[in-house]
């Protein structure tokens, strides 16, 4: 049976989610920093080996790639560029985590008949109710259903199954 959560329950749940995201956010930001650093460094080196290694190569006309032996002269600038761009990625993912993580619940539930569907432009249900995010509702078992704590029902079920 579906039941709407109270405002306090919704607020408490959102606070818990925020707390967990903050804890995991630093780890994910560090991973993004490492991936961005090595990715940018790799593409910078490939650019130097295939195209012109100078930063203003678009002005120099024809591309003049360098050999692997000459790469030592340019590696410092490529590491520096990779560090700066990776630091930008790190701080953006640390300060604005929703920019990288788009966790949006797309399931909605009718407040009258409890019909669920994927979110779309229709906000009215066929029964006359309106749809709300399913995060605002919780499922609980009906108390009228007999749920005895003893485990004799398992034995009864196995006996019935074997007799059939």
N, C-alpha and C. Protein backbone atom coordinates (compact mmCIF):
# COMPACT_ATOMS: atom_id res chain seq x y z
N UNK A 1 0.85 -1.16 0.00
CA UNK A 1 0.00 0.00 0.00
C UNK A 1 0.91 1.23 0.00
N UNK A 2 0.58 2.21 -0.82
CA UNK A 2 1.35 3.44 -0.91
C UNK A 2 0.85 4.47 0.09
N UNK A 3 1.78 5.19 0.67
CA UNK A 3 1.43 6.23 1.62
C UNK A 3 2.37 7.41 1.39
N UNK A 4 1.81 8.61 1.40
CA UNK A 4 2.64 9.79 1.19
C UNK A 4 3.49 10.04 2.43
N UNK A 5 4.77 10.36 2.19
CA UNK A 5 5.67 10.67 3.29
C UNK A 5 5.35 12.05 3.85
N UNK A 6 5.67 12.24 5.10
CA UNK A 6 5.51 13.56 5.70
C UNK A 6 6.63 14.48 5.20
N UNK A 7 6.45 15.77 5.37
CA UNK A 7 7.48 16.72 4.96
C UNK A 7 8.78 16.51 5.71
N UNK A 8 8.69 16.11 6.98
CA UNK A 8 9.89 15.84 7.77
C UNK A 8 10.65 14.63 7.22
N UNK A 9 9.92 13.58 6.83
CA UNK A 9 10.57 12.41 6.26
C UNK A 9 11.26 12.74 4.93
N UNK A 10 10.59 13.53 4.11
CA UNK A 10 11.17 13.93 2.82
C UNK A 10 12.43 14.76 3.06
N UNK A 11 12.36 15.73 3.99
CA UNK A 11 13.51 16.58 4.28
C UNK A 11 14.66 15.75 4.84
N UNK A 12 14.38 14.82 5.77
CA UNK A 12 15.41 13.98 6.37
C UNK A 12 16.08 13.11 5.31
N UNK A 13 15.29 12.55 4.41
CA UNK A 13 15.83 11.70 3.35
C UNK A 13 16.72 12.51 2.40
N UNK A 14 16.31 13.72 2.07
CA UNK A 14 17.13 14.57 1.20
C UNK A 14 18.44 14.94 1.88
N UNK A 15 18.40 15.20 3.18
CA UNK A 15 19.62 15.52 3.91
C UNK A 15 20.57 14.34 3.95
N UNK A 16 20.04 13.15 4.11
CA UNK A 16 20.89 11.96 4.10
C UNK A 16 21.55 11.77 2.73
N UNK A 17 20.79 11.99 1.68
CA UNK A 17 21.34 11.86 0.33
C UNK A 17 22.42 12.90 0.09
N UNK A 18 22.20 14.13 0.55
CA UNK A 18 23.21 15.18 0.40
C UNK A 18 24.49 14.81 1.15
N UNK A 19 24.35 14.27 2.36
CA UNK A 19 25.50 13.89 3.16
C UNK A 19 26.30 12.78 2.47
N UNK A 20 25.62 11.78 1.94
CA UNK A 20 26.31 10.70 1.24
C UNK A 20 26.99 11.19 -0.02
N UNK A 21 26.35 12.10 -0.73
CA UNK A 21 26.95 12.63 -1.96
C UNK A 21 28.19 13.44 -1.65
N UNK A 22 28.17 14.22 -0.55
CA UNK A 22 29.35 14.99 -0.17
C UNK A 22 30.51 14.07 0.17
N UNK A 23 30.21 12.95 0.83
CA UNK A 23 31.27 12.01 1.21
C UNK A 23 31.90 11.37 -0.03
N UNK A 24 31.08 11.04 -1.00
CA UNK A 24 31.58 10.37 -2.21
C UNK A 24 32.11 11.36 -3.24
N UNK A 25 31.78 12.62 -3.09
CA UNK A 25 32.11 13.61 -4.10
C UNK A 25 33.62 13.85 -4.21
N UNK A 26 34.33 13.87 -3.09
CA UNK A 26 35.77 14.10 -3.13
C UNK A 26 36.48 12.97 -3.86
N UNK A 27 36.07 11.75 -3.61
CA UNK A 27 36.68 10.59 -4.27
C UNK A 27 36.43 10.65 -5.78
N UNK A 28 35.20 10.95 -6.17
CA UNK A 28 34.87 11.03 -7.60
C UNK A 28 35.61 12.19 -8.27
N UNK A 29 35.75 13.30 -7.56
CA UNK A 29 36.46 14.45 -8.12
C UNK A 29 37.93 14.12 -8.33
N UNK A 30 38.53 13.39 -7.39
CA UNK A 30 39.92 12.98 -7.54
C UNK A 30 40.08 12.03 -8.73
N UNK A 31 39.14 11.12 -8.90
CA UNK A 31 39.19 10.23 -10.06
C UNK A 31 39.07 11.01 -11.36
N UNK A 32 38.18 11.98 -11.39
CA UNK A 32 38.04 12.80 -12.60
C UNK A 32 39.31 13.59 -12.88
N UNK A 33 39.98 14.07 -11.82
CA UNK A 33 41.24 14.79 -11.99
C UNK A 33 42.28 13.91 -12.66
N UNK A 34 42.43 12.68 -12.16
CA UNK A 34 43.43 11.77 -12.71
C UNK A 34 43.10 11.42 -14.16
N UNK A 35 41.83 11.10 -14.44
CA UNK A 35 41.43 10.77 -15.81
C UNK A 35 41.65 11.95 -16.75
N UNK A 36 41.27 13.14 -16.31
CA UNK A 36 41.44 14.33 -17.14
C UNK A 36 42.92 14.61 -17.37
N UNK A 37 43.74 14.47 -16.33
CA UNK A 37 45.17 14.75 -16.47
C UNK A 37 45.81 13.85 -17.52
N UNK A 38 45.62 12.54 -17.37
CA UNK A 38 46.26 11.63 -18.31
C UNK A 38 45.64 11.72 -19.70
N UNK A 39 44.34 11.97 -19.78
CA UNK A 39 43.70 12.12 -21.08
C UNK A 39 44.21 13.35 -21.83
N UNK A 40 44.29 14.48 -21.15
CA UNK A 40 44.76 15.71 -21.78
C UNK A 40 46.25 15.57 -22.13
N UNK A 41 47.03 14.96 -21.24
CA UNK A 41 48.45 14.76 -21.52
C UNK A 41 48.65 13.86 -22.74
N UNK A 42 47.88 12.80 -22.82
CA UNK A 42 47.97 11.88 -23.96
C UNK A 42 47.64 12.60 -25.26
N UNK A 43 46.54 13.33 -25.28
CA UNK A 43 46.15 14.01 -26.52
C UNK A 43 47.11 15.15 -26.87
N UNK A 44 47.72 15.77 -25.89
CA UNK A 44 48.72 16.81 -26.17
C UNK A 44 49.95 16.20 -26.82
N UNK A 45 50.38 15.06 -26.32
CA UNK A 45 51.55 14.40 -26.89
C UNK A 45 51.25 13.88 -28.30
N UNK A 46 50.06 13.33 -28.48
CA UNK A 46 49.69 12.86 -29.82
C UNK A 46 49.64 14.03 -30.79
N UNK A 47 49.12 15.16 -30.33
CA UNK A 47 49.08 16.36 -31.18
C UNK A 47 50.49 16.79 -31.56
N UNK A 48 51.42 16.72 -30.61
CA UNK A 48 52.80 17.12 -30.89
C UNK A 48 53.47 16.17 -31.87
N UNK A 49 53.16 14.89 -31.77
CA UNK A 49 53.80 13.92 -32.65
C UNK A 49 53.20 13.91 -34.06
N UNK A 50 51.95 14.28 -34.17
CA UNK A 50 51.29 14.25 -35.47
C UNK A 50 51.25 15.64 -36.11
N UNK A 51 50.99 16.65 -35.29
CA UNK A 51 50.87 18.01 -35.80
C UNK A 51 52.00 18.86 -35.23
N UNK A 52 51.82 20.15 -35.28
CA UNK A 52 52.81 21.10 -34.78
C UNK A 52 52.78 21.14 -33.26
N UNK A 53 53.93 21.07 -32.57
CA UNK A 53 53.92 21.08 -31.11
C UNK A 53 53.71 22.45 -30.49
N UNK A 54 53.84 23.51 -31.26
CA UNK A 54 53.68 24.86 -30.72
C UNK A 54 52.22 25.14 -30.42
N UNK A 55 51.97 25.97 -29.42
CA UNK A 55 50.60 26.28 -29.04
C UNK A 55 49.91 27.15 -30.09
N UNK A 56 50.70 27.98 -30.80
CA UNK A 56 50.09 28.83 -31.82
C UNK A 56 50.27 28.22 -33.20
N UNK A 57 50.09 26.91 -33.31
CA UNK A 57 50.33 26.20 -34.56
C UNK A 57 49.33 26.59 -35.64
N UNK A 58 48.19 27.11 -35.25
CA UNK A 58 47.21 27.49 -36.26
C UNK A 58 47.70 28.70 -37.06
N UNK A 59 48.69 29.44 -36.55
CA UNK A 59 49.22 30.60 -37.26
C UNK A 59 50.43 30.24 -38.13
N UNK A 60 51.08 29.13 -37.83
CA UNK A 60 52.34 28.84 -38.50
C UNK A 60 52.17 28.20 -39.87
N UNK A 61 50.97 27.91 -40.27
CA UNK A 61 50.77 27.36 -41.61
C UNK A 61 50.86 25.85 -41.59
N UNK A 62 51.80 25.29 -42.34
CA UNK A 62 51.92 23.84 -42.45
C UNK A 62 52.35 23.24 -41.11
N UNK A 63 51.85 22.05 -40.84
CA UNK A 63 52.21 21.40 -39.58
C UNK A 63 53.58 20.76 -39.73
N UNK A 64 54.35 20.83 -38.68
CA UNK A 64 55.68 20.22 -38.68
C UNK A 64 55.81 19.36 -37.42
N UNK A 65 55.43 18.09 -37.50
CA UNK A 65 55.48 17.23 -36.31
C UNK A 65 56.90 17.03 -35.83
N UNK A 66 57.00 16.66 -34.56
CA UNK A 66 58.31 16.43 -33.96
C UNK A 66 58.52 14.94 -33.78
N UNK A 67 59.74 14.56 -33.58
CA UNK A 67 60.07 13.17 -33.30
C UNK A 67 59.96 12.88 -31.82
N UNK A 68 59.98 11.63 -31.48
CA UNK A 68 59.87 11.24 -30.08
C UNK A 68 61.08 11.73 -29.29
N UNK A 69 62.24 11.78 -29.93
CA UNK A 69 63.44 12.23 -29.24
C UNK A 69 63.36 13.72 -28.86
N UNK A 70 62.59 14.50 -29.60
CA UNK A 70 62.44 15.93 -29.31
C UNK A 70 61.30 16.22 -28.33
N UNK A 71 60.59 15.21 -27.92
CA UNK A 71 59.43 15.40 -27.05
C UNK A 71 59.82 15.94 -25.67
N UNK A 72 61.05 15.66 -25.23
CA UNK A 72 61.50 16.15 -23.92
C UNK A 72 61.44 17.66 -23.81
N UNK A 73 61.65 18.35 -24.91
CA UNK A 73 61.64 19.81 -24.89
C UNK A 73 60.26 20.38 -24.59
N UNK A 74 59.22 19.64 -24.97
CA UNK A 74 57.85 20.15 -24.87
C UNK A 74 57.05 19.52 -23.73
N UNK A 75 57.58 18.47 -23.11
CA UNK A 75 56.79 17.72 -22.13
C UNK A 75 56.40 18.57 -20.93
N UNK A 76 57.25 19.48 -20.50
CA UNK A 76 56.93 20.31 -19.34
C UNK A 76 55.69 21.16 -19.59
N UNK A 77 55.60 21.77 -20.74
CA UNK A 77 54.45 22.62 -21.05
C UNK A 77 53.17 21.78 -21.15
N UNK A 78 53.29 20.55 -21.68
CA UNK A 78 52.11 19.68 -21.78
C UNK A 78 51.65 19.21 -20.40
N UNK A 79 52.57 18.91 -19.52
CA UNK A 79 52.21 18.53 -18.15
C UNK A 79 51.56 19.71 -17.44
N UNK A 80 52.10 20.89 -17.64
CA UNK A 80 51.52 22.09 -17.02
C UNK A 80 50.11 22.37 -17.52
N UNK A 81 49.91 22.26 -18.81
CA UNK A 81 48.57 22.45 -19.38
C UNK A 81 47.62 21.40 -18.83
N UNK A 82 48.08 20.15 -18.76
CA UNK A 82 47.23 19.06 -18.23
C UNK A 82 46.87 19.31 -16.78
N UNK A 83 47.82 19.78 -15.99
CA UNK A 83 47.54 20.06 -14.58
C UNK A 83 46.51 21.18 -14.42
N UNK A 84 46.65 22.23 -15.18
CA UNK A 84 45.72 23.36 -15.07
C UNK A 84 44.31 22.94 -15.48
N UNK A 85 44.19 22.28 -16.63
CA UNK A 85 42.86 21.87 -17.08
C UNK A 85 42.25 20.81 -16.17
N UNK A 86 43.06 19.91 -15.65
CA UNK A 86 42.56 18.90 -14.73
C UNK A 86 42.14 19.52 -13.40
N UNK A 87 42.85 20.55 -12.96
CA UNK A 87 42.45 21.25 -11.73
C UNK A 87 41.10 21.93 -11.92
N UNK A 88 40.88 22.47 -13.11
CA UNK A 88 39.56 23.08 -13.39
C UNK A 88 38.48 22.02 -13.33
N UNK A 89 38.72 20.86 -13.92
CA UNK A 89 37.74 19.76 -13.87
C UNK A 89 37.51 19.33 -12.43
N UNK A 90 38.58 19.25 -11.64
CA UNK A 90 38.47 18.84 -10.24
C UNK A 90 37.59 19.81 -9.45
N UNK A 91 37.87 21.11 -9.57
CA UNK A 91 37.11 22.08 -8.79
C UNK A 91 35.67 22.21 -9.27
N UNK A 92 35.43 22.08 -10.55
CA UNK A 92 34.05 22.12 -11.04
C UNK A 92 33.28 20.91 -10.52
N UNK A 93 33.88 19.73 -10.57
CA UNK A 93 33.18 18.54 -10.08
C UNK A 93 33.04 18.53 -8.57
N UNK A 94 33.93 19.24 -7.87
CA UNK A 94 33.83 19.31 -6.41
C UNK A 94 32.80 20.34 -5.97
N UNK A 95 32.78 21.47 -6.62
CA UNK A 95 31.87 22.55 -6.22
C UNK A 95 30.50 22.45 -6.85
N UNK A 96 30.41 21.89 -8.04
CA UNK A 96 29.13 21.75 -8.73
C UNK A 96 28.96 20.29 -9.14
N UNK A 97 28.69 19.39 -8.19
CA UNK A 97 28.64 17.96 -8.53
C UNK A 97 27.48 17.60 -9.46
N UNK A 98 26.40 18.36 -9.43
CA UNK A 98 25.27 18.04 -10.29
C UNK A 98 25.58 18.30 -11.75
N UNK A 99 26.68 19.00 -12.04
CA UNK A 99 27.08 19.22 -13.42
C UNK A 99 27.49 17.90 -14.07
N UNK A 100 28.10 17.01 -13.29
CA UNK A 100 28.53 15.72 -13.80
C UNK A 100 27.53 14.60 -13.48
N UNK A 101 26.84 14.72 -12.37
CA UNK A 101 25.90 13.67 -11.92
C UNK A 101 24.48 14.16 -12.09
N UNK A 102 23.80 13.60 -13.02
CA UNK A 102 22.40 13.97 -13.25
C UNK A 102 21.52 12.79 -12.83
N UNK A 103 21.28 12.68 -11.55
CA UNK A 103 20.44 11.60 -11.01
C UNK A 103 19.03 12.14 -10.82
N UNK A 104 18.20 11.93 -11.79
CA UNK A 104 16.83 12.42 -11.73
C UNK A 104 15.91 11.20 -11.76
N UNK A 105 15.03 11.12 -10.78
CA UNK A 105 14.07 10.03 -10.75
C UNK A 105 12.99 10.33 -11.78
N UNK A 106 12.78 9.43 -12.69
CA UNK A 106 11.83 9.67 -13.77
C UNK A 106 10.50 8.97 -13.55
N UNK A 107 10.28 8.38 -12.39
CA UNK A 107 9.03 7.70 -12.11
C UNK A 107 8.13 8.60 -11.28
N UNK A 108 6.87 8.69 -11.69
CA UNK A 108 5.87 9.46 -10.95
C UNK A 108 4.71 8.55 -10.58
N UNK A 109 3.95 8.97 -9.57
CA UNK A 109 2.84 8.17 -9.08
C UNK A 109 1.62 9.07 -8.91
N UNK A 110 0.45 8.54 -9.21
CA UNK A 110 -0.79 9.29 -9.05
C UNK A 110 -1.14 9.36 -7.57
N UNK A 111 -1.57 10.52 -7.12
CA UNK A 111 -1.90 10.68 -5.70
C UNK A 111 -3.28 10.13 -5.35
N UNK A 112 -4.02 9.68 -6.33
CA UNK A 112 -5.36 9.17 -6.08
C UNK A 112 -5.45 7.65 -6.28
N UNK A 113 -5.03 7.16 -7.45
CA UNK A 113 -5.15 5.72 -7.73
C UNK A 113 -3.81 4.99 -7.63
N UNK A 114 -2.72 5.71 -7.40
CA UNK A 114 -1.38 5.16 -7.22
C UNK A 114 -0.86 4.42 -8.46
N UNK A 115 -1.27 4.89 -9.60
CA UNK A 115 -0.76 4.37 -10.87
C UNK A 115 0.61 5.00 -11.11
N UNK A 116 1.61 4.18 -11.48
CA UNK A 116 2.95 4.71 -11.73
C UNK A 116 3.22 4.74 -13.22
N UNK A 117 4.08 5.69 -13.62
CA UNK A 117 4.49 5.79 -15.02
C UNK A 117 5.79 6.58 -15.08
N UNK A 118 6.37 6.56 -16.26
CA UNK A 118 7.56 7.38 -16.53
C UNK A 118 7.09 8.81 -16.78
N UNK A 119 7.85 9.77 -16.28
CA UNK A 119 7.44 11.17 -16.36
C UNK A 119 7.31 11.62 -17.82
N UNK A 120 6.26 12.40 -18.07
CA UNK A 120 6.07 13.02 -19.37
C UNK A 120 5.33 14.34 -19.16
N UNK A 121 4.80 14.92 -20.21
CA UNK A 121 4.16 16.23 -20.10
C UNK A 121 2.77 16.17 -19.47
N UNK A 122 2.17 15.00 -19.42
CA UNK A 122 0.83 14.85 -18.86
C UNK A 122 0.93 14.78 -17.34
N UNK A 123 0.37 15.78 -16.63
CA UNK A 123 0.45 15.79 -15.17
C UNK A 123 -0.85 15.34 -14.51
N UNK A 124 -1.87 15.06 -15.30
CA UNK A 124 -3.15 14.59 -14.78
C UNK A 124 -3.33 13.12 -15.12
N UNK A 125 -3.78 12.37 -14.15
CA UNK A 125 -4.07 10.95 -14.35
C UNK A 125 -5.48 10.81 -14.95
N UNK A 126 -5.76 9.64 -15.52
CA UNK A 126 -7.08 9.39 -16.09
C UNK A 126 -8.16 9.35 -15.01
N UNK A 127 -7.78 9.06 -13.77
CA UNK A 127 -8.75 8.98 -12.68
C UNK A 127 -9.09 10.37 -12.13
N UNK A 128 -8.36 11.40 -12.54
CA UNK A 128 -8.60 12.75 -12.06
C UNK A 128 -7.56 13.23 -11.06
N UNK A 129 -6.67 12.35 -10.64
CA UNK A 129 -5.61 12.74 -9.71
C UNK A 129 -4.45 13.36 -10.45
N UNK A 130 -3.47 13.81 -9.71
CA UNK A 130 -2.28 14.39 -10.33
C UNK A 130 -1.06 13.56 -9.95
N UNK A 131 -0.06 13.61 -10.81
CA UNK A 131 1.16 12.82 -10.60
C UNK A 131 2.15 13.60 -9.75
N UNK A 132 2.86 12.86 -8.89
CA UNK A 132 3.93 13.42 -8.05
C UNK A 132 5.11 12.47 -8.11
N UNK A 133 6.27 12.96 -7.74
CA UNK A 133 7.48 12.14 -7.76
C UNK A 133 7.31 10.97 -6.78
N UNK A 134 7.75 9.81 -7.19
CA UNK A 134 7.56 8.62 -6.36
C UNK A 134 8.44 8.68 -5.10
N UNK A 135 9.43 9.57 -5.07
CA UNK A 135 10.25 9.72 -3.88
C UNK A 135 9.45 10.27 -2.70
N UNK A 136 8.31 10.88 -2.97
CA UNK A 136 7.47 11.44 -1.91
C UNK A 136 6.53 10.39 -1.30
N UNK A 137 6.58 9.17 -1.80
CA UNK A 137 5.72 8.10 -1.32
C UNK A 137 6.56 6.94 -0.82
N UNK A 138 5.97 6.15 0.06
CA UNK A 138 6.65 4.97 0.57
C UNK A 138 5.67 3.79 0.54
N UNK A 139 6.20 2.61 0.43
CA UNK A 139 5.38 1.40 0.40
C UNK A 139 5.45 0.74 1.75
N UNK A 140 4.30 0.35 2.26
CA UNK A 140 4.28 -0.42 3.49
C UNK A 140 3.20 -1.48 3.36
N UNK A 141 3.41 -2.58 4.08
CA UNK A 141 2.47 -3.70 4.02
C UNK A 141 1.22 -3.38 4.81
N UNK A 142 0.10 -3.87 4.34
CA UNK A 142 -1.17 -3.67 5.02
C UNK A 142 -1.16 -4.46 6.32
N UNK A 143 -1.66 -3.87 7.39
CA UNK A 143 -1.64 -4.51 8.71
C UNK A 143 -2.71 -5.59 8.85
N UNK A 144 -3.69 -5.57 7.98
CA UNK A 144 -4.76 -6.56 8.07
C UNK A 144 -4.32 -7.93 7.56
N UNK A 145 -3.25 -7.98 6.80
CA UNK A 145 -2.77 -9.25 6.28
C UNK A 145 -2.09 -10.00 7.41
N UNK A 146 -2.43 -11.30 7.54
CA UNK A 146 -1.85 -12.11 8.61
C UNK A 146 -0.41 -12.46 8.27
N UNK A 147 0.50 -11.91 9.00
CA UNK A 147 1.92 -12.22 8.82
C UNK A 147 2.43 -12.76 10.15
N UNK A 148 2.17 -14.03 10.37
CA UNK A 148 2.61 -14.64 11.63
C UNK A 148 4.12 -14.80 11.60
N UNK A 149 4.69 -14.68 12.80
CA UNK A 149 6.14 -14.75 12.90
C UNK A 149 6.67 -16.19 12.92
N UNK A 150 5.78 -17.14 13.23
CA UNK A 150 6.30 -18.50 13.25
C UNK A 150 6.53 -18.98 11.82
N UNK A 151 7.44 -19.88 11.68
CA UNK A 151 7.83 -20.35 10.35
C UNK A 151 7.13 -21.64 9.97
N UNK A 152 6.00 -21.93 10.58
CA UNK A 152 5.28 -23.16 10.25
C UNK A 152 4.66 -23.07 8.86
N UNK A 153 4.45 -21.86 8.37
CA UNK A 153 3.86 -21.72 7.05
C UNK A 153 4.79 -22.28 5.97
N UNK A 154 6.09 -22.29 6.22
CA UNK A 154 7.03 -22.84 5.24
C UNK A 154 6.80 -24.34 5.11
N UNK A 155 6.65 -25.00 6.26
CA UNK A 155 6.40 -26.44 6.23
C UNK A 155 5.07 -26.74 5.56
N UNK A 156 4.02 -25.96 5.88
CA UNK A 156 2.71 -26.17 5.27
C UNK A 156 2.76 -25.97 3.76
N UNK A 157 3.53 -24.97 3.33
CA UNK A 157 3.64 -24.69 1.90
C UNK A 157 4.33 -25.84 1.19
N UNK A 158 5.40 -26.37 1.80
CA UNK A 158 6.11 -27.48 1.18
C UNK A 158 5.23 -28.73 1.10
N UNK A 159 4.43 -28.97 2.14
CA UNK A 159 3.54 -30.12 2.13
C UNK A 159 2.49 -29.96 1.02
N UNK A 160 1.90 -28.72 0.92
CA UNK A 160 0.90 -28.49 -0.12
C UNK A 160 1.52 -28.64 -1.51
N UNK A 161 2.74 -28.19 -1.66
CA UNK A 161 3.40 -28.24 -2.97
C UNK A 161 3.67 -29.69 -3.36
N UNK A 162 4.09 -30.51 -2.38
CA UNK A 162 4.39 -31.90 -2.68
C UNK A 162 3.14 -32.72 -2.94
N UNK A 163 2.02 -32.35 -2.32
CA UNK A 163 0.78 -33.07 -2.54
C UNK A 163 0.19 -32.79 -3.90
N UNK A 164 0.49 -31.65 -4.46
CA UNK A 164 -0.08 -31.28 -5.76
C UNK A 164 0.57 -31.97 -6.91
